[in-house]
Amino acid sequence: MLESQALVVKIEQGATYVEAEAGGSCGSGHCSTSACSTAVLTRIFSQQPKALRVNNPINAQVGEQVMLGLEEGAFLKSAMLAYLFPLVALVLGAMIGLWLAGPTDARDLYAGLGGLSGLIASAFGIKWLNPILFDLNRAQPVILRRL
């Protein structure tokens, strides 16, 4: 299970929102200094903390420090669906475009259009596959314990 510390910032209508601490994931303990490149990148690209909706089975209250957990399988599946699936669809679309082009001079145009079609089809495929592949309760971060 992947774990991260967070602060409960809001509870409304049964939904709990937390802000994860903006630190590095390397675990070296240098995240408060400029020695941690991951923490530096986090500060550059994330000016404000973002509230994340999580499951709250322990009934944590606003202001409490908590430990969040996310199943590794859910994280890997979502990463593959978000990154690998569109890449494979792009390549397959380009290959189909080349096959459809035959021996014409416009093979590059067909490959480009086929790749673009595969990429667009992957967006619809992700939208269709997401509820099938994921149990949304297991794919959402959950508060494990108070700190």
N, C-alpha and C. Protein backbone atom coordinates (compact mmCIF):
# COMPACT_ATOMS: atom_id res chain seq x y z
N MET A 1 0.85 -1.17 0.00
CA MET A 1 0.00 0.00 0.00
C MET A 1 0.90 1.24 0.00
N LEU A 2 0.57 2.20 -0.84
CA LEU A 2 1.27 3.48 -0.87
C LEU A 2 0.70 4.37 0.22
N GLU A 3 1.57 5.02 0.99
CA GLU A 3 1.10 5.85 2.09
C GLU A 3 1.70 7.25 2.00
N SER A 4 0.95 8.23 2.49
CA SER A 4 1.40 9.61 2.52
C SER A 4 0.69 10.35 3.65
N GLN A 5 1.38 11.30 4.27
CA GLN A 5 0.76 12.10 5.32
C GLN A 5 -0.07 13.22 4.70
N ALA A 6 -1.12 13.60 5.42
CA ALA A 6 -2.00 14.66 4.93
C ALA A 6 -2.68 15.34 6.11
N LEU A 7 -3.29 16.48 5.82
CA LEU A 7 -4.03 17.26 6.81
C LEU A 7 -5.48 17.35 6.35
N VAL A 8 -6.41 17.01 7.23
CA VAL A 8 -7.83 17.12 6.91
C VAL A 8 -8.19 18.61 6.90
N VAL A 9 -8.70 19.11 5.77
CA VAL A 9 -8.98 20.54 5.65
C VAL A 9 -10.47 20.87 5.58
N LYS A 10 -11.29 19.88 5.16
CA LYS A 10 -12.71 20.20 5.00
C LYS A 10 -13.52 18.92 5.03
N ILE A 11 -14.68 19.01 5.67
CA ILE A 11 -15.66 17.92 5.65
C ILE A 11 -17.00 18.56 5.31
N GLU A 12 -17.60 18.10 4.22
CA GLU A 12 -18.91 18.64 3.83
C GLU A 12 -19.73 17.57 3.15
N GLN A 13 -20.95 17.43 3.56
CA GLN A 13 -21.93 16.51 2.99
C GLN A 13 -21.37 15.09 2.84
N GLY A 14 -20.70 14.63 3.88
CA GLY A 14 -20.18 13.27 3.88
C GLY A 14 -18.87 13.08 3.13
N ALA A 15 -18.34 14.13 2.52
CA ALA A 15 -17.08 14.04 1.80
C ALA A 15 -15.97 14.66 2.63
N THR A 16 -14.82 14.00 2.68
CA THR A 16 -13.67 14.51 3.43
C THR A 16 -12.59 14.92 2.44
N TYR A 17 -12.03 16.11 2.65
CA TYR A 17 -10.99 16.64 1.78
C TYR A 17 -9.71 16.82 2.59
N VAL A 18 -8.59 16.40 2.01
CA VAL A 18 -7.29 16.53 2.68
C VAL A 18 -6.32 17.23 1.74
N GLU A 19 -5.28 17.78 2.33
CA GLU A 19 -4.16 18.33 1.56
C GLU A 19 -2.93 17.54 1.95
N ALA A 20 -2.35 16.89 0.97
CA ALA A 20 -1.15 16.09 1.22
C ALA A 20 0.04 17.02 1.41
N GLU A 21 0.97 16.59 2.25
CA GLU A 21 2.16 17.39 2.47
C GLU A 21 3.00 17.40 1.21
N ALA A 22 3.49 18.57 0.83
CA ALA A 22 4.28 18.72 -0.38
C ALA A 22 5.73 18.40 -0.07
N GLY A 23 6.05 17.15 -0.05
CA GLY A 23 7.42 16.72 0.20
C GLY A 23 7.84 15.76 -0.88
N GLY A 24 9.07 15.32 -0.81
CA GLY A 24 9.56 14.37 -1.79
C GLY A 24 9.11 12.97 -1.44
N SER A 25 9.17 12.11 -2.40
CA SER A 25 8.76 10.73 -2.18
C SER A 25 9.96 9.83 -1.98
N CYS A 26 11.15 10.41 -1.90
CA CYS A 26 12.35 9.59 -1.81
C CYS A 26 12.57 9.04 -0.41
N GLY A 27 12.02 9.70 0.62
CA GLY A 27 12.15 9.21 1.98
C GLY A 27 13.50 9.50 2.60
N SER A 28 14.29 10.40 2.03
CA SER A 28 15.63 10.66 2.55
C SER A 28 15.63 11.61 3.74
N GLY A 29 14.54 12.31 3.97
CA GLY A 29 14.48 13.23 5.09
C GLY A 29 15.03 14.61 4.80
N HIS A 30 15.44 14.87 3.57
CA HIS A 30 15.98 16.17 3.19
C HIS A 30 14.95 17.07 2.54
N CYS A 31 13.69 16.72 2.62
CA CYS A 31 12.65 17.42 1.87
C CYS A 31 12.43 18.85 2.34
N SER A 32 12.83 19.17 3.55
CA SER A 32 12.65 20.53 4.02
C SER A 32 13.78 21.44 3.55
N THR A 33 14.85 20.88 3.03
CA THR A 33 15.98 21.67 2.56
C THR A 33 15.98 21.70 1.04
N SER A 34 16.95 22.42 0.49
CA SER A 34 17.04 22.49 -0.97
C SER A 34 17.78 21.28 -1.54
N ALA A 35 18.16 20.31 -0.70
CA ALA A 35 18.89 19.14 -1.17
C ALA A 35 17.99 18.14 -1.88
N CYS A 36 16.70 18.22 -1.68
CA CYS A 36 15.78 17.25 -2.28
C CYS A 36 15.21 17.82 -3.58
N SER A 37 15.62 17.22 -4.68
CA SER A 37 15.17 17.74 -5.98
C SER A 37 13.68 17.50 -6.20
N THR A 38 13.14 16.43 -5.63
CA THR A 38 11.71 16.17 -5.77
C THR A 38 10.89 17.25 -5.08
N ALA A 39 11.33 17.66 -3.89
CA ALA A 39 10.61 18.72 -3.17
C ALA A 39 10.72 20.05 -3.90
N VAL A 40 11.88 20.30 -4.53
CA VAL A 40 12.05 21.55 -5.29
C VAL A 40 11.09 21.56 -6.48
N LEU A 41 10.99 20.43 -7.19
CA LEU A 41 10.06 20.36 -8.33
C LEU A 41 8.62 20.52 -7.86
N THR A 42 8.30 19.95 -6.71
CA THR A 42 6.94 20.08 -6.17
C THR A 42 6.63 21.54 -5.90
N ARG A 43 7.58 22.27 -5.32
CA ARG A 43 7.34 23.69 -5.04
C ARG A 43 7.23 24.51 -6.33
N ILE A 44 7.97 24.15 -7.37
CA ILE A 44 7.92 24.89 -8.62
C ILE A 44 6.58 24.70 -9.31
N PHE A 45 6.11 23.45 -9.42
CA PHE A 45 4.92 23.16 -10.20
C PHE A 45 3.63 23.23 -9.41
N SER A 46 3.70 23.29 -8.11
CA SER A 46 2.49 23.32 -7.30
C SER A 46 2.58 24.47 -6.32
N GLN A 47 2.06 25.62 -6.70
CA GLN A 47 2.12 26.80 -5.86
C GLN A 47 1.19 26.70 -4.66
N GLN A 48 0.04 26.10 -4.84
CA GLN A 48 -0.93 25.97 -3.76
C GLN A 48 -1.22 24.49 -3.53
N PRO A 49 -1.43 24.12 -2.28
CA PRO A 49 -1.84 22.75 -2.03
C PRO A 49 -3.22 22.47 -2.62
N LYS A 50 -3.41 21.28 -3.11
CA LYS A 50 -4.67 20.91 -3.73
C LYS A 50 -5.43 19.98 -2.80
N ALA A 51 -6.70 20.26 -2.59
CA ALA A 51 -7.54 19.42 -1.74
C ALA A 51 -7.94 18.17 -2.53
N LEU A 52 -7.84 17.04 -1.88
CA LEU A 52 -8.13 15.75 -2.49
C LEU A 52 -9.25 15.07 -1.71
N ARG A 53 -10.24 14.58 -2.42
CA ARG A 53 -11.36 13.90 -1.76
C ARG A 53 -10.94 12.47 -1.45
N VAL A 54 -11.18 12.04 -0.21
CA VAL A 54 -10.76 10.71 0.23
C VAL A 54 -11.88 10.04 1.02
N ASN A 55 -11.78 8.72 1.16
CA ASN A 55 -12.68 7.98 2.04
C ASN A 55 -12.22 8.17 3.48
N ASN A 56 -13.16 8.30 4.40
CA ASN A 56 -12.84 8.58 5.80
C ASN A 56 -13.52 7.57 6.73
N PRO A 57 -13.02 6.32 6.78
CA PRO A 57 -13.68 5.33 7.62
C PRO A 57 -13.40 5.52 9.11
N ILE A 58 -12.37 6.31 9.48
CA ILE A 58 -12.05 6.49 10.90
C ILE A 58 -12.67 7.76 11.47
N ASN A 59 -13.44 8.47 10.68
CA ASN A 59 -14.11 9.69 11.12
C ASN A 59 -13.14 10.77 11.60
N ALA A 60 -12.10 11.01 10.84
CA ALA A 60 -11.13 12.06 11.17
C ALA A 60 -11.80 13.42 11.03
N GLN A 61 -11.38 14.37 11.86
CA GLN A 61 -11.98 15.70 11.89
C GLN A 61 -11.03 16.74 11.28
N VAL A 62 -11.57 17.90 10.96
CA VAL A 62 -10.80 18.98 10.36
C VAL A 62 -9.65 19.36 11.30
N GLY A 63 -8.46 19.53 10.70
CA GLY A 63 -7.28 19.92 11.46
C GLY A 63 -6.41 18.75 11.91
N GLU A 64 -6.88 17.53 11.76
CA GLU A 64 -6.09 16.37 12.19
C GLU A 64 -5.09 15.95 11.11
N GLN A 65 -3.91 15.54 11.55
CA GLN A 65 -2.91 14.95 10.66
C GLN A 65 -3.26 13.48 10.52
N VAL A 66 -3.30 12.98 9.30
CA VAL A 66 -3.69 11.61 9.05
C VAL A 66 -2.71 10.95 8.07
N MET A 67 -2.77 9.63 8.01
CA MET A 67 -2.00 8.86 7.04
C MET A 67 -2.96 8.35 5.98
N LEU A 68 -2.69 8.70 4.72
CA LEU A 68 -3.51 8.24 3.60
C LEU A 68 -2.92 6.97 3.03
N GLY A 69 -3.76 6.14 2.47
CA GLY A 69 -3.30 4.94 1.81
C GLY A 69 -3.99 4.75 0.47
N LEU A 70 -3.26 4.16 -0.46
CA LEU A 70 -3.80 3.85 -1.78
C LEU A 70 -3.22 2.51 -2.19
N GLU A 71 -4.07 1.59 -2.61
CA GLU A 71 -3.59 0.28 -3.02
C GLU A 71 -2.67 0.41 -4.22
N GLU A 72 -1.53 -0.30 -4.18
CA GLU A 72 -0.56 -0.23 -5.27
C GLU A 72 -1.16 -0.72 -6.58
N GLY A 73 -1.98 -1.74 -6.51
CA GLY A 73 -2.60 -2.26 -7.72
C GLY A 73 -3.47 -1.22 -8.41
N ALA A 74 -4.20 -0.45 -7.63
CA ALA A 74 -5.06 0.60 -8.20
C ALA A 74 -4.20 1.68 -8.83
N PHE A 75 -3.09 2.02 -8.18
CA PHE A 75 -2.19 3.05 -8.72
C PHE A 75 -1.57 2.58 -10.03
N LEU A 76 -1.09 1.34 -10.08
CA LEU A 76 -0.47 0.82 -11.29
C LEU A 76 -1.46 0.70 -12.43
N LYS A 77 -2.67 0.22 -12.12
CA LYS A 77 -3.69 0.10 -13.17
C LYS A 77 -4.06 1.46 -13.75
N SER A 78 -4.21 2.45 -12.87
CA SER A 78 -4.58 3.78 -13.37
C SER A 78 -3.44 4.40 -14.17
N ALA A 79 -2.20 4.17 -13.76
CA ALA A 79 -1.06 4.69 -14.52
C ALA A 79 -0.98 4.04 -15.89
N MET A 80 -1.19 2.74 -15.95
CA MET A 80 -1.16 2.05 -17.24
C MET A 80 -2.29 2.52 -18.14
N LEU A 81 -3.46 2.70 -17.56
CA LEU A 81 -4.60 3.14 -18.36
C LEU A 81 -4.39 4.56 -18.87
N ALA A 82 -3.78 5.41 -18.05
CA ALA A 82 -3.61 6.81 -18.44
C ALA A 82 -2.44 7.03 -19.39
N TYR A 83 -1.39 6.22 -19.30
CA TYR A 83 -0.19 6.46 -20.11
C TYR A 83 0.06 5.41 -21.17
N LEU A 84 -0.02 4.14 -20.81
CA LEU A 84 0.32 3.09 -21.75
C LEU A 84 -0.76 2.87 -22.80
N PHE A 85 -2.02 2.89 -22.40
CA PHE A 85 -3.12 2.65 -23.33
C PHE A 85 -3.13 3.67 -24.49
N PRO A 86 -3.02 4.98 -24.22
CA PRO A 86 -2.98 5.94 -25.34
C PRO A 86 -1.76 5.76 -26.24
N LEU A 87 -0.61 5.40 -25.64
CA LEU A 87 0.59 5.20 -26.44
C LEU A 87 0.43 4.01 -27.39
N VAL A 88 -0.10 2.92 -26.89
CA VAL A 88 -0.33 1.74 -27.73
C VAL A 88 -1.36 2.06 -28.81
N ALA A 89 -2.42 2.78 -28.46
CA ALA A 89 -3.43 3.15 -29.45
C ALA A 89 -2.85 4.06 -30.53
N LEU A 90 -1.96 4.96 -30.15
CA LEU A 90 -1.31 5.85 -31.12
C LEU A 90 -0.49 5.05 -32.11
N VAL A 91 0.33 4.13 -31.61
CA VAL A 91 1.19 3.33 -32.48
C VAL A 91 0.35 2.41 -33.36
N LEU A 92 -0.65 1.76 -32.79
CA LEU A 92 -1.51 0.89 -33.60
C LEU A 92 -2.26 1.67 -34.66
N GLY A 93 -2.75 2.85 -34.30
CA GLY A 93 -3.44 3.69 -35.28
C GLY A 93 -2.52 4.09 -36.43
N ALA A 94 -1.28 4.42 -36.11
CA ALA A 94 -0.31 4.79 -37.15
C ALA A 94 -0.01 3.59 -38.05
N MET A 95 0.10 2.41 -37.45
CA MET A 95 0.36 1.22 -38.25
C MET A 95 -0.82 0.88 -39.16
N ILE A 96 -2.02 1.03 -38.65
CA ILE A 96 -3.21 0.79 -39.48
C ILE A 96 -3.28 1.83 -40.59
N GLY A 97 -2.94 3.08 -40.28
CA GLY A 97 -2.90 4.12 -41.31
C GLY A 97 -1.90 3.79 -42.41
N LEU A 98 -0.72 3.29 -42.04
CA LEU A 98 0.27 2.88 -43.05
C LEU A 98 -0.25 1.72 -43.89
N TRP A 99 -0.92 0.78 -43.25
CA TRP A 99 -1.45 -0.37 -43.97
C TRP A 99 -2.53 0.08 -44.96
N LEU A 100 -3.39 1.01 -44.53
CA LEU A 100 -4.44 1.51 -45.42
C LEU A 100 -3.88 2.34 -46.56
N ALA A 101 -2.75 3.00 -46.34
CA ALA A 101 -2.16 3.87 -47.37
C ALA A 101 -1.65 3.06 -48.56
N GLY A 102 -1.15 1.87 -48.30
CA GLY A 102 -0.59 1.08 -49.39
C GLY A 102 0.66 1.75 -49.94
N PRO A 103 0.92 1.58 -51.21
CA PRO A 103 2.15 2.13 -51.79
C PRO A 103 2.02 3.57 -52.30
N THR A 104 1.18 4.39 -51.72
CA THR A 104 1.01 5.77 -52.20
C THR A 104 2.10 6.67 -51.63
N ASP A 105 2.16 7.89 -52.17
CA ASP A 105 3.14 8.87 -51.69
C ASP A 105 2.71 9.52 -50.38
N ALA A 106 1.47 9.35 -49.99
CA ALA A 106 0.94 10.02 -48.80
C ALA A 106 0.96 9.11 -47.57
N ARG A 107 1.94 8.22 -47.48
CA ARG A 107 2.01 7.28 -46.37
C ARG A 107 2.15 8.02 -45.03
N ASP A 108 2.93 9.08 -45.01
CA ASP A 108 3.12 9.83 -43.76
C ASP A 108 1.81 10.47 -43.31
N LEU A 109 1.05 11.00 -44.24
CA LEU A 109 -0.24 11.59 -43.92
C LEU A 109 -1.18 10.54 -43.34
N TYR A 110 -1.24 9.37 -43.97
CA TYR A 110 -2.09 8.30 -43.47
C TYR A 110 -1.64 7.83 -42.08
N ALA A 111 -0.33 7.73 -41.88
CA ALA A 111 0.19 7.31 -40.57
C ALA A 111 -0.16 8.34 -39.51
N GLY A 112 -0.01 9.62 -39.84
CA GLY A 112 -0.34 10.67 -38.88
C GLY A 112 -1.81 10.69 -38.53
N LEU A 113 -2.65 10.59 -39.56
CA LEU A 113 -4.10 10.57 -39.31
C LEU A 113 -4.52 9.31 -38.55
N GLY A 114 -3.89 8.19 -38.88
CA GLY A 114 -4.19 6.95 -38.16
C GLY A 114 -3.77 7.05 -36.71
N GLY A 115 -2.59 7.62 -36.44
CA GLY A 115 -2.13 7.81 -35.07
C GLY A 115 -3.05 8.74 -34.28
N LEU A 116 -3.46 9.83 -34.92
CA LEU A 116 -4.38 10.76 -34.27
C LEU A 116 -5.73 10.09 -33.99
N SER A 117 -6.19 9.30 -34.93
CA SER A 117 -7.45 8.56 -34.73
C SER A 117 -7.32 7.57 -33.57
N GLY A 118 -6.18 6.90 -33.49
CA GLY A 118 -5.96 5.97 -32.38
C GLY A 118 -5.92 6.68 -31.05
N LEU A 119 -5.31 7.85 -31.02
CA LEU A 119 -5.24 8.63 -29.78
C LEU A 119 -6.62 9.10 -29.34
N ILE A 120 -7.42 9.57 -30.29
CA ILE A 120 -8.79 10.00 -29.97
C ILE A 120 -9.63 8.81 -29.52
N ALA A 121 -9.47 7.68 -30.19
CA ALA A 121 -10.21 6.47 -29.81
C ALA A 121 -9.80 6.02 -28.40
N SER A 122 -8.53 6.21 -28.03
CA SER A 122 -8.09 5.81 -26.69
C SER A 122 -8.76 6.65 -25.61
N ALA A 123 -9.04 7.92 -25.90
CA ALA A 123 -9.73 8.76 -24.92
C ALA A 123 -11.13 8.21 -24.64
N PHE A 124 -11.83 7.79 -25.69
CA PHE A 124 -13.15 7.19 -25.50
C PHE A 124 -13.03 5.82 -24.83
N GLY A 125 -11.98 5.08 -25.20
CA GLY A 125 -11.75 3.78 -24.59
C GLY A 125 -11.48 3.88 -23.10
N ILE A 126 -10.71 4.88 -22.70
CA ILE A 126 -10.43 5.08 -21.27
C ILE A 126 -11.71 5.40 -20.53
N LYS A 127 -12.52 6.26 -21.11
CA LYS A 127 -13.79 6.61 -20.47
C LYS A 127 -14.69 5.38 -20.33
N TRP A 128 -14.66 4.50 -21.29
CA TRP A 128 -15.48 3.29 -21.27
C TRP A 128 -14.89 2.23 -20.33
N LEU A 129 -13.55 2.08 -20.33
CA LEU A 129 -12.90 1.04 -19.54
C LEU A 129 -12.78 1.38 -18.06
N ASN A 130 -12.74 2.66 -17.73
CA ASN A 130 -12.51 3.07 -16.34
C ASN A 130 -13.49 2.43 -15.36
N PRO A 131 -14.81 2.51 -15.57
CA PRO A 131 -15.71 1.87 -14.60
C PRO A 131 -15.64 0.35 -14.63
N ILE A 132 -15.21 -0.23 -15.73
CA ILE A 132 -15.13 -1.69 -15.83
C ILE A 132 -13.91 -2.21 -15.06
N LEU A 133 -12.77 -1.53 -15.20
CA LEU A 133 -11.53 -2.00 -14.59
C LEU A 133 -11.38 -1.64 -13.12
N PHE A 134 -12.05 -0.59 -12.68
CA PHE A 134 -11.82 -0.10 -11.33
C PHE A 134 -13.07 -0.16 -10.47
N ASP A 135 -12.88 -0.67 -9.28
CA ASP A 135 -13.88 -0.51 -8.23
C ASP A 135 -13.55 0.85 -7.62
N LEU A 136 -14.40 1.84 -7.83
CA LEU A 136 -14.07 3.21 -7.45
C LEU A 136 -13.81 3.36 -5.96
N ASN A 137 -14.37 2.50 -5.12
CA ASN A 137 -14.08 2.58 -3.69
C ASN A 137 -12.66 2.13 -3.38
N ARG A 138 -12.14 1.17 -4.15
CA ARG A 138 -10.77 0.69 -3.92
C ARG A 138 -9.74 1.58 -4.59
N ALA A 139 -10.13 2.30 -5.63
CA ALA A 139 -9.19 3.14 -6.36
C ALA A 139 -9.03 4.52 -5.74
N GLN A 140 -9.83 4.84 -4.75
CA GLN A 140 -9.78 6.15 -4.11
C GLN A 140 -8.92 6.06 -2.84
N PRO A 141 -8.12 7.10 -2.58
CA PRO A 141 -7.33 7.09 -1.34
C PRO A 141 -8.23 7.01 -0.11
N VAL A 142 -7.72 6.39 0.95
CA VAL A 142 -8.48 6.21 2.17
C VAL A 142 -7.63 6.65 3.37
N ILE A 143 -8.27 7.23 4.36
CA ILE A 143 -7.55 7.61 5.59
C ILE A 143 -7.36 6.34 6.41
N LEU A 144 -6.10 6.03 6.70
CA LEU A 144 -5.79 4.80 7.42
C LEU A 144 -5.79 4.99 8.94
N ARG A 145 -5.15 6.10 9.40
CA ARG A 145 -5.02 6.33 10.83
C ARG A 145 -4.68 7.78 11.10
N ARG A 146 -4.88 8.19 12.35
CA ARG A 146 -4.48 9.52 12.80
C ARG A 146 -3.01 9.50 13.16
N LEU A 147 -2.37 10.62 13.03
CA LEU A 147 -0.95 10.70 13.43
C LEU A 147 -0.80 11.46 14.74
